[in-house]
Amino acid sequence: MTDFDRNPGSIDDPGGPGGQDVDVSRLPPGDTAGDTGGPGEPEIAELDLPGPDDPVAWSYVEPGTEVVGRDGNRLGKVDRMLGTDEGIFHGIAVDPRAGGRSRMVPSSAVTRLTPSSVQISLDADALQALDEVEEFG
């Protein structure tokens, strides 16, 4: 059987049963992407954004995001995320709170990425012992 042999209203027909049009006004709130429900509920744009503690992809983290060590101490801020154009994450250039040039934290030391913070498995001393990030022209 081909699609041309199917009866109107079959499973692949976007209309209702038997080829009837669907009355969308009778559907409950939240039935479509543009209808998020009643008053006081979030707008569609708010639903698409992660919260401050939601895990995100490395490419979503912005420069200036707080970097937190394994002991919970703030170690610095993200200078930039390091990766390829193909999306392969290599690590983070961290501007240390203690001062000095940015340090390269490898991806293997990154334990959590959120919009509000980056958690790494290092402490302040281990961060200072890492290689400095080479500047690219």
N, C-alpha and C. Protein backbone atom coordinates (compact mmCIF):
# COMPACT_ATOMS: atom_id res chain seq x y z
N MET A 1 0.85 -1.18 0.00
CA MET A 1 0.00 0.00 0.00
C MET A 1 0.89 1.24 0.00
N THR A 2 0.56 2.23 -0.79
CA THR A 2 1.30 3.48 -0.85
C THR A 2 0.48 4.56 -0.17
N ASP A 3 1.08 5.73 0.01
CA ASP A 3 0.36 6.86 0.62
C ASP A 3 -0.84 7.28 -0.23
N PHE A 4 -0.79 7.01 -1.53
CA PHE A 4 -1.89 7.40 -2.40
C PHE A 4 -3.11 6.49 -2.21
N ASP A 5 -2.89 5.28 -1.67
CA ASP A 5 -3.98 4.34 -1.47
C ASP A 5 -4.69 4.50 -0.13
N ARG A 6 -4.13 5.34 0.76
CA ARG A 6 -4.71 5.47 2.11
C ARG A 6 -6.01 6.27 2.06
N ASN A 7 -6.88 5.96 3.00
CA ASN A 7 -8.15 6.68 3.14
C ASN A 7 -7.91 8.02 3.83
N PRO A 8 -8.73 9.03 3.55
CA PRO A 8 -8.60 10.30 4.28
C PRO A 8 -8.75 10.04 5.77
N GLY A 9 -7.94 10.74 6.56
CA GLY A 9 -8.02 10.58 8.01
C GLY A 9 -7.15 9.46 8.52
N SER A 10 -6.34 8.86 7.65
CA SER A 10 -5.46 7.81 8.14
C SER A 10 -4.39 8.41 9.04
N ILE A 11 -3.58 7.60 9.63
CA ILE A 11 -2.62 8.03 10.65
C ILE A 11 -1.68 9.14 10.19
N ASP A 12 -1.34 9.17 8.90
CA ASP A 12 -0.43 10.19 8.39
C ASP A 12 -1.13 11.46 7.93
N ASP A 13 -2.45 11.50 8.01
CA ASP A 13 -3.21 12.67 7.59
C ASP A 13 -3.24 13.68 8.73
N PRO A 14 -2.77 14.94 8.52
CA PRO A 14 -2.73 15.92 9.60
C PRO A 14 -4.12 16.37 10.07
N GLY A 15 -5.16 16.07 9.29
CA GLY A 15 -6.51 16.42 9.70
C GLY A 15 -7.00 15.48 10.79
N GLY A 16 -8.20 15.71 11.24
CA GLY A 16 -8.77 14.87 12.29
C GLY A 16 -9.26 13.54 11.73
N PRO A 17 -10.00 12.77 12.54
CA PRO A 17 -10.51 11.47 12.10
C PRO A 17 -11.38 11.62 10.86
N GLY A 18 -11.14 10.77 9.91
CA GLY A 18 -11.94 10.81 8.68
C GLY A 18 -11.67 12.02 7.83
N GLY A 19 -10.55 12.69 8.02
CA GLY A 19 -10.22 13.86 7.21
C GLY A 19 -10.87 15.14 7.68
N GLN A 20 -11.48 15.14 8.87
CA GLN A 20 -12.13 16.35 9.38
C GLN A 20 -11.09 17.33 9.90
N ASP A 21 -11.41 18.62 9.84
CA ASP A 21 -10.53 19.63 10.42
C ASP A 21 -10.65 19.59 11.94
N VAL A 22 -9.54 19.82 12.62
CA VAL A 22 -9.53 19.81 14.08
C VAL A 22 -9.87 21.21 14.58
N ASP A 23 -10.75 21.29 15.58
CA ASP A 23 -11.12 22.56 16.20
C ASP A 23 -10.11 22.83 17.31
N VAL A 24 -9.09 23.67 17.02
CA VAL A 24 -8.02 23.90 17.98
C VAL A 24 -8.48 24.67 19.20
N SER A 25 -9.58 25.38 19.11
CA SER A 25 -10.05 26.15 20.26
C SER A 25 -10.53 25.24 21.38
N ARG A 26 -10.83 23.98 21.08
CA ARG A 26 -11.30 23.05 22.10
C ARG A 26 -10.16 22.31 22.79
N LEU A 27 -8.92 22.53 22.33
CA LEU A 27 -7.79 21.85 22.93
C LEU A 27 -7.37 22.57 24.22
N PRO A 28 -6.81 21.86 25.20
CA PRO A 28 -6.42 22.49 26.47
C PRO A 28 -5.23 23.41 26.31
N PRO A 29 -5.01 24.36 27.27
CA PRO A 29 -3.84 25.24 27.22
C PRO A 29 -2.56 24.40 27.21
N GLY A 30 -1.58 24.87 26.46
CA GLY A 30 -0.30 24.19 26.38
C GLY A 30 -0.25 23.15 25.29
N ASP A 31 -1.27 23.10 24.41
CA ASP A 31 -1.32 22.08 23.36
C ASP A 31 -0.37 22.38 22.21
N THR A 32 0.07 23.63 22.07
CA THR A 32 0.99 23.99 21.00
C THR A 32 2.16 24.76 21.58
N ALA A 33 3.24 24.90 20.81
CA ALA A 33 4.43 25.58 21.29
C ALA A 33 4.17 27.05 21.60
N GLY A 34 3.25 27.69 20.88
CA GLY A 34 2.98 29.10 21.12
C GLY A 34 1.97 29.35 22.22
N ASP A 35 1.33 28.31 22.75
CA ASP A 35 0.31 28.45 23.78
C ASP A 35 0.83 27.83 25.06
N THR A 36 1.34 28.67 25.95
CA THR A 36 1.94 28.16 27.18
C THR A 36 0.96 28.09 28.33
N GLY A 37 -0.29 28.39 28.10
CA GLY A 37 -1.27 28.27 29.17
C GLY A 37 -1.89 29.60 29.52
N GLY A 38 -2.33 29.69 30.76
CA GLY A 38 -3.08 30.85 31.22
C GLY A 38 -2.21 31.96 31.78
N PRO A 39 -2.88 32.96 32.35
CA PRO A 39 -2.16 34.10 32.92
C PRO A 39 -1.23 33.65 34.06
N GLY A 40 -0.08 34.28 34.14
CA GLY A 40 0.88 33.96 35.20
C GLY A 40 1.83 32.83 34.86
N GLU A 41 1.58 32.11 33.76
CA GLU A 41 2.48 31.05 33.35
C GLU A 41 3.56 31.63 32.46
N PRO A 42 4.71 30.95 32.36
CA PRO A 42 5.83 31.51 31.59
C PRO A 42 5.51 31.66 30.11
N GLU A 43 6.16 32.65 29.52
CA GLU A 43 6.06 32.85 28.07
C GLU A 43 6.94 31.83 27.38
N ILE A 44 6.75 31.64 26.10
CA ILE A 44 7.50 30.64 25.35
C ILE A 44 9.00 30.90 25.39
N ALA A 45 9.44 32.17 25.32
CA ALA A 45 10.87 32.47 25.36
C ALA A 45 11.48 32.07 26.69
N GLU A 46 10.75 32.19 27.77
CA GLU A 46 11.26 31.81 29.09
C GLU A 46 11.41 30.30 29.21
N LEU A 47 10.59 29.56 28.51
CA LEU A 47 10.67 28.11 28.58
C LEU A 47 11.90 27.58 27.86
N ASP A 48 12.41 28.31 26.89
CA ASP A 48 13.55 27.87 26.11
C ASP A 48 14.89 28.10 26.81
N LEU A 49 14.92 28.96 27.83
CA LEU A 49 16.18 29.31 28.47
C LEU A 49 16.46 28.43 29.68
N PRO A 50 17.71 28.00 29.84
CA PRO A 50 18.03 27.22 31.05
C PRO A 50 18.08 28.13 32.26
N GLY A 51 17.80 27.57 33.41
CA GLY A 51 17.91 28.31 34.66
C GLY A 51 19.37 28.48 35.06
N PRO A 52 19.66 29.27 36.09
CA PRO A 52 21.05 29.53 36.47
C PRO A 52 21.82 28.29 36.92
N ASP A 53 21.12 27.26 37.40
CA ASP A 53 21.80 26.05 37.87
C ASP A 53 21.58 24.84 36.97
N ASP A 54 20.99 25.05 35.79
CA ASP A 54 20.77 23.96 34.85
C ASP A 54 22.07 23.65 34.09
N PRO A 55 22.40 22.38 33.91
CA PRO A 55 23.58 22.04 33.11
C PRO A 55 23.42 22.52 31.67
N VAL A 56 24.52 23.02 31.10
CA VAL A 56 24.50 23.51 29.72
C VAL A 56 25.71 22.97 28.97
N ALA A 57 25.68 23.11 27.66
CA ALA A 57 26.82 22.75 26.81
C ALA A 57 27.94 23.77 27.00
N TRP A 58 29.15 23.37 26.71
CA TRP A 58 30.30 24.25 26.91
C TRP A 58 30.19 25.52 26.09
N SER A 59 29.58 25.45 24.93
CA SER A 59 29.47 26.62 24.06
C SER A 59 28.47 27.65 24.58
N TYR A 60 27.70 27.29 25.59
CA TYR A 60 26.70 28.20 26.17
C TYR A 60 27.30 29.07 27.28
N VAL A 61 28.44 28.67 27.84
CA VAL A 61 29.05 29.40 28.96
C VAL A 61 29.69 30.69 28.45
N GLU A 62 29.39 31.80 29.12
CA GLU A 62 29.87 33.12 28.72
C GLU A 62 31.14 33.50 29.47
N PRO A 63 32.02 34.31 28.85
CA PRO A 63 33.16 34.86 29.58
C PRO A 63 32.66 35.65 30.79
N GLY A 64 33.41 35.56 31.87
CA GLY A 64 33.01 36.25 33.11
C GLY A 64 32.24 35.35 34.07
N THR A 65 31.90 34.14 33.64
CA THR A 65 31.19 33.20 34.52
C THR A 65 32.13 32.77 35.64
N GLU A 66 31.60 32.68 36.85
CA GLU A 66 32.39 32.30 38.02
C GLU A 66 32.91 30.87 37.90
N VAL A 67 34.17 30.65 38.30
CA VAL A 67 34.78 29.32 38.33
C VAL A 67 34.95 28.93 39.79
N VAL A 68 34.41 27.75 40.13
CA VAL A 68 34.41 27.28 41.52
C VAL A 68 35.23 26.00 41.60
N GLY A 69 36.08 25.89 42.62
CA GLY A 69 36.91 24.72 42.80
C GLY A 69 36.20 23.60 43.52
N ARG A 70 36.91 22.47 43.70
CA ARG A 70 36.32 21.29 44.32
C ARG A 70 35.94 21.53 45.78
N ASP A 71 36.61 22.50 46.42
CA ASP A 71 36.31 22.82 47.81
C ASP A 71 35.22 23.88 47.96
N GLY A 72 34.66 24.33 46.84
CA GLY A 72 33.58 25.32 46.86
C GLY A 72 34.05 26.76 46.83
N ASN A 73 35.36 26.97 46.84
CA ASN A 73 35.90 28.33 46.80
C ASN A 73 35.89 28.88 45.38
N ARG A 74 35.65 30.18 45.28
CA ARG A 74 35.71 30.84 43.98
C ARG A 74 37.17 31.01 43.58
N LEU A 75 37.51 30.48 42.40
CA LEU A 75 38.89 30.50 41.95
C LEU A 75 39.18 31.56 40.91
N GLY A 76 38.16 32.06 40.26
CA GLY A 76 38.36 33.05 39.21
C GLY A 76 37.15 33.12 38.32
N LYS A 77 37.37 33.63 37.11
CA LYS A 77 36.29 33.78 36.13
C LYS A 77 36.74 33.20 34.79
N VAL A 78 35.76 32.78 34.01
CA VAL A 78 36.04 32.27 32.68
C VAL A 78 36.55 33.41 31.81
N ASP A 79 37.73 33.22 31.26
CA ASP A 79 38.27 34.17 30.29
C ASP A 79 37.68 33.83 28.92
N ARG A 80 37.75 32.54 28.56
CA ARG A 80 37.11 32.06 27.34
C ARG A 80 37.04 30.53 27.40
N MET A 81 36.11 30.00 26.63
CA MET A 81 35.97 28.56 26.50
C MET A 81 36.85 28.12 25.33
N LEU A 82 37.49 26.97 25.47
CA LEU A 82 38.42 26.51 24.46
C LEU A 82 37.88 25.26 23.78
N GLY A 83 37.71 25.34 22.47
CA GLY A 83 37.19 24.22 21.70
C GLY A 83 37.36 24.47 20.22
N THR A 84 36.91 23.51 19.45
CA THR A 84 37.05 23.60 18.00
C THR A 84 35.75 24.10 17.37
N ASP A 85 35.84 24.48 16.11
CA ASP A 85 34.65 24.90 15.37
C ASP A 85 33.68 23.73 15.19
N GLU A 86 34.21 22.51 15.27
CA GLU A 86 33.36 21.32 15.13
C GLU A 86 32.64 20.97 16.43
N GLY A 87 32.89 21.72 17.50
CA GLY A 87 32.19 21.51 18.75
C GLY A 87 32.90 20.63 19.76
N ILE A 88 34.19 20.38 19.57
CA ILE A 88 34.93 19.56 20.52
C ILE A 88 35.50 20.45 21.61
N PHE A 89 35.12 20.16 22.86
CA PHE A 89 35.51 20.95 24.03
C PHE A 89 36.89 20.53 24.51
N HIS A 90 37.81 21.51 24.63
CA HIS A 90 39.16 21.21 25.09
C HIS A 90 39.42 21.67 26.52
N GLY A 91 38.74 22.72 26.96
CA GLY A 91 38.96 23.21 28.31
C GLY A 91 38.52 24.65 28.44
N ILE A 92 39.04 25.27 29.52
CA ILE A 92 38.64 26.64 29.85
C ILE A 92 39.88 27.47 30.15
N ALA A 93 39.92 28.66 29.61
CA ALA A 93 40.93 29.64 30.02
C ALA A 93 40.33 30.39 31.21
N VAL A 94 40.97 30.22 32.38
CA VAL A 94 40.45 30.82 33.62
C VAL A 94 41.34 31.97 34.03
N ASP A 95 40.70 33.13 34.27
CA ASP A 95 41.40 34.29 34.81
C ASP A 95 41.40 34.10 36.33
N PRO A 96 42.56 33.73 36.93
CA PRO A 96 42.59 33.38 38.35
C PRO A 96 42.28 34.56 39.26
N ARG A 97 41.57 34.28 40.32
CA ARG A 97 41.24 35.29 41.31
C ARG A 97 42.51 35.80 41.99
N ALA A 98 43.52 34.92 42.11
CA ALA A 98 44.77 35.28 42.76
C ALA A 98 45.64 36.19 41.88
N GLY A 99 45.24 36.40 40.64
CA GLY A 99 45.99 37.26 39.74
C GLY A 99 46.88 36.46 38.81
N GLY A 100 47.50 37.16 37.89
CA GLY A 100 48.36 36.50 36.92
C GLY A 100 47.63 36.22 35.63
N ARG A 101 48.35 35.57 34.72
CA ARG A 101 47.79 35.26 33.41
C ARG A 101 46.78 34.12 33.50
N SER A 102 45.92 34.04 32.49
CA SER A 102 44.91 32.98 32.44
C SER A 102 45.56 31.61 32.41
N ARG A 103 44.91 30.65 33.07
CA ARG A 103 45.39 29.27 33.13
C ARG A 103 44.48 28.37 32.33
N MET A 104 45.07 27.34 31.73
CA MET A 104 44.32 26.40 30.90
C MET A 104 43.87 25.22 31.76
N VAL A 105 42.55 25.17 32.02
CA VAL A 105 41.96 24.05 32.75
C VAL A 105 41.48 23.05 31.69
N PRO A 106 42.02 21.83 31.68
CA PRO A 106 41.60 20.85 30.67
C PRO A 106 40.17 20.39 30.89
N SER A 107 39.55 19.95 29.83
CA SER A 107 38.15 19.51 29.91
C SER A 107 37.97 18.37 30.91
N SER A 108 39.00 17.55 31.10
CA SER A 108 38.90 16.44 32.05
C SER A 108 38.77 16.91 33.50
N ALA A 109 39.13 18.16 33.79
CA ALA A 109 39.02 18.70 35.14
C ALA A 109 37.72 19.47 35.36
N VAL A 110 36.90 19.60 34.33
CA VAL A 110 35.63 20.32 34.45
C VAL A 110 34.55 19.32 34.86
N THR A 111 33.89 19.62 35.99
CA THR A 111 32.89 18.68 36.50
C THR A 111 31.46 19.13 36.26
N ARG A 112 31.21 20.43 36.08
CA ARG A 112 29.84 20.91 35.85
C ARG A 112 29.88 22.28 35.19
N LEU A 113 29.00 22.46 34.19
CA LEU A 113 28.85 23.74 33.50
C LEU A 113 27.41 24.20 33.64
N THR A 114 27.22 25.41 34.16
CA THR A 114 25.89 26.02 34.24
C THR A 114 26.03 27.47 33.77
N PRO A 115 24.92 28.17 33.50
CA PRO A 115 25.04 29.58 33.11
C PRO A 115 25.63 30.47 34.20
N SER A 116 25.52 30.05 35.48
CA SER A 116 26.00 30.90 36.57
C SER A 116 27.36 30.51 37.12
N SER A 117 27.82 29.27 36.87
CA SER A 117 29.13 28.87 37.39
C SER A 117 29.69 27.67 36.64
N VAL A 118 31.02 27.56 36.72
CA VAL A 118 31.73 26.41 36.19
C VAL A 118 32.44 25.76 37.37
N GLN A 119 32.20 24.48 37.56
CA GLN A 119 32.84 23.77 38.65
C GLN A 119 33.97 22.91 38.09
N ILE A 120 35.13 22.97 38.78
CA ILE A 120 36.28 22.18 38.35
C ILE A 120 36.75 21.34 39.53
N SER A 121 37.52 20.30 39.23
CA SER A 121 37.98 19.36 40.25
C SER A 121 39.34 19.76 40.84
N LEU A 122 39.67 21.04 40.77
CA LEU A 122 40.96 21.54 41.25
C LEU A 122 40.75 22.53 42.39
N ASP A 123 41.82 22.78 43.17
CA ASP A 123 41.78 23.84 44.16
C ASP A 123 42.64 25.00 43.66
N ALA A 124 42.79 26.06 44.45
CA ALA A 124 43.52 27.26 44.02
C ALA A 124 44.98 26.96 43.70
N ASP A 125 45.63 26.12 44.52
CA ASP A 125 47.04 25.81 44.26
C ASP A 125 47.21 25.04 42.96
N ALA A 126 46.33 24.07 42.72
CA ALA A 126 46.40 23.28 41.49
C ALA A 126 46.13 24.16 40.26
N LEU A 127 45.23 25.12 40.41
CA LEU A 127 44.94 26.04 39.30
C LEU A 127 46.19 26.86 38.96
N GLN A 128 46.88 27.38 39.97
CA GLN A 128 48.08 28.19 39.73
C GLN A 128 49.21 27.36 39.13
N ALA A 129 49.20 26.05 39.36
CA ALA A 129 50.25 25.18 38.82
C ALA A 129 50.03 24.82 37.36
N LEU A 130 48.84 25.10 36.83
CA LEU A 130 48.54 24.77 35.43
C LEU A 130 49.28 25.71 34.48
N ASP A 131 49.42 25.29 33.23
CA ASP A 131 50.07 26.10 32.21
C ASP A 131 49.26 27.35 31.91
N GLU A 132 49.99 28.40 31.58
CA GLU A 132 49.34 29.65 31.16
C GLU A 132 48.78 29.44 29.75
N VAL A 133 47.69 30.12 29.45
CA VAL A 133 47.09 30.03 28.13
C VAL A 133 47.87 30.91 27.18
N GLU A 134 48.26 30.34 26.05
CA GLU A 134 48.97 31.11 25.04
C GLU A 134 47.98 32.03 24.34
N GLU A 135 48.39 33.25 24.12
CA GLU A 135 47.55 34.23 23.43
C GLU A 135 47.68 34.03 21.93
N PHE A 136 46.57 34.11 21.26
CA PHE A 136 46.56 33.98 19.80
C PHE A 136 46.35 35.36 19.20
N GLY A 137 47.07 35.65 18.12
CA GLY A 137 47.02 36.95 17.48
C GLY A 137 45.83 37.12 16.74
